Amino acid sequence: MSKEEEITGDESEKFHVEGYPDVSLGNSTLYTVDFKVNYIACGNNTQSVASMKTGAGIWRGACLISSITATVHTPGGNTNATSYTSSGTSYSQFCCIFYQNHYVVTRVET
């Protein structure tokens, strides 16, 4: 298929299915968290997730994740969580947690 051809219909669904799983971002903190998912050579996505909720899945096709940053909106002001970083991962489930007096973005194993 040339670069100019548009993927439509059944081909579009096939491409979506063959990509990596959607990114799922959870928030187990008491406050709203703004996430930024950075990909290798694919740009980024952002999503805000309410306290104790999981955001809608983010489609990423064949893009590997290089990092996930998070800002926690506390009553005392915005706090940057410790980021998740990778040389490029296909993992898809992550959560912002409060651990040992720090907010941290971590991978969730299922």
Protein backbone atom coordinates (compact mmCIF):
# COMPACT_ATOMS: atom_id res chain seq x y z
CA MET A 1 0.00 0.00 0.00
CA SER A 2 1.40 3.40 -0.92
CA LYS A 3 1.64 6.19 1.66
CA GLU A 4 -1.08 8.09 -0.19
CA GLU A 5 -3.72 5.36 0.17
CA GLU A 6 -6.28 5.84 2.90
CA ILE A 7 -7.04 2.94 5.24
CA THR A 8 -10.81 2.52 5.47
CA GLY A 9 -13.47 0.03 6.50
CA ASP A 10 -12.28 -3.50 7.29
CA GLU A 11 -8.64 -2.55 6.66
CA SER A 12 -8.88 0.20 9.28
CA GLU A 13 -10.26 -2.24 11.86
CA LYS A 14 -7.53 -4.76 11.01
CA PHE A 15 -4.83 -2.12 11.56
CA HIS A 16 -6.39 -1.07 14.86
CA VAL A 17 -6.60 -4.67 16.10
CA GLU A 18 -3.00 -5.44 15.12
CA GLY A 19 -1.60 -2.40 17.00
CA TYR A 20 -0.67 -2.40 20.67
CA PRO A 21 -3.46 -2.39 23.27
CA ASP A 22 -5.01 0.96 24.13
CA VAL A 23 -3.25 2.86 26.92
CA SER A 24 -5.21 2.78 30.19
CA LEU A 25 -4.45 5.43 32.82
CA GLY A 26 -5.69 4.99 36.38
CA ASN A 27 -5.71 7.46 39.25
CA SER A 28 -5.65 6.06 42.79
CA THR A 29 -4.94 9.45 44.39
CA LEU A 30 -7.39 11.76 46.16
CA TYR A 31 -6.99 14.43 43.46
CA THR A 32 -7.39 14.93 39.70
CA VAL A 33 -4.31 13.94 37.68
CA ASP A 34 -3.28 15.23 34.24
CA PHE A 35 -1.28 12.62 32.31
CA LYS A 36 0.94 13.04 29.26
CA VAL A 37 1.87 9.87 27.36
CA ASN A 38 4.96 10.25 25.15
CA TYR A 39 5.69 7.83 22.32
CA ILE A 40 8.80 7.02 20.33
CA ALA A 41 8.46 8.81 16.97
CA CYS A 42 4.67 9.21 17.40
CA GLY A 43 4.09 12.37 19.42
CA ASN A 44 2.02 12.30 22.60
CA ASN A 45 -1.45 12.14 24.15
CA THR A 46 -2.86 13.89 27.20
CA GLN A 47 -5.69 12.91 29.48
CA SER A 48 -7.13 14.20 32.75
CA VAL A 49 -8.40 11.52 35.16
CA ALA A 50 -10.56 12.19 38.21
CA SER A 51 -9.74 10.82 41.67
CA MET A 52 -10.13 7.05 42.00
CA LYS A 53 -11.09 6.66 38.32
CA THR A 54 -9.66 5.17 35.14
CA GLY A 55 -9.64 7.24 31.97
CA ALA A 56 -10.99 6.14 28.60
CA GLY A 57 -8.59 3.95 26.61
CA ILE A 58 -6.16 5.87 24.39
CA TRP A 59 -5.54 4.29 20.98
CA ARG A 60 -1.86 4.33 20.03
CA GLY A 61 -1.59 2.00 17.05
CA ALA A 62 1.95 0.65 16.71
CA CYS A 63 3.57 3.31 18.93
CA LEU A 64 5.82 2.33 21.84
CA ILE A 65 5.63 4.40 25.03
CA SER A 66 8.81 6.22 26.08
CA SER A 67 7.44 8.00 29.16
CA ILE A 68 4.34 8.99 31.08
CA THR A 69 4.35 12.17 33.13
CA ALA A 70 1.66 13.27 35.56
CA THR A 71 0.65 16.41 37.40
CA VAL A 72 -1.45 15.94 40.54
CA HIS A 73 -3.76 18.86 41.37
CA THR A 74 -3.65 19.02 45.18
CA PRO A 75 -5.25 21.74 47.36
CA GLY A 76 -1.71 22.98 48.11
CA GLY A 77 -0.88 23.37 44.43
CA ASN A 78 0.20 21.23 41.49
CA THR A 79 2.69 18.45 42.20
CA ASN A 80 4.67 16.57 39.55
CA ALA A 81 4.63 12.81 40.03
CA THR A 82 7.72 10.71 39.44
CA SER A 83 7.43 9.74 35.76
CA TYR A 84 7.36 6.30 34.21
CA THR A 85 10.20 5.99 31.69
CA SER A 86 11.22 3.32 29.22
CA SER A 87 13.40 2.83 26.17
CA GLY A 88 10.12 1.83 24.49
CA THR A 89 7.42 -0.34 26.00
CA SER A 90 4.31 -2.03 24.66
CA TYR A 91 2.81 -2.26 28.15
CA SER A 92 -0.53 -0.52 28.28
CA GLN A 93 -1.82 -0.18 31.86
CA PHE A 94 -0.49 2.53 34.18
CA CYS A 95 -1.61 4.27 37.35
CA CYS A 96 -0.69 7.32 39.41
CA ILE A 97 -0.32 6.30 43.07
CA PHE A 98 0.81 7.86 46.34
CA TYR A 99 3.74 5.78 47.62
CA GLN A 100 6.22 6.59 50.39
CA ASN A 101 5.26 10.29 50.49
CA HIS A 102 5.52 10.75 46.71
CA TYR A 103 3.19 10.57 43.73
CA VAL A 104 4.45 8.00 41.21
CA VAL A 105 3.34 6.80 37.76
CA THR A 106 3.74 3.04 37.70
CA ARG A 107 2.96 0.14 35.40
CA VAL A 108 0.05 -2.04 36.46
CA GLU A 109 0.57 -5.77 36.08
CA THR A 110 -2.48 -7.92 35.42
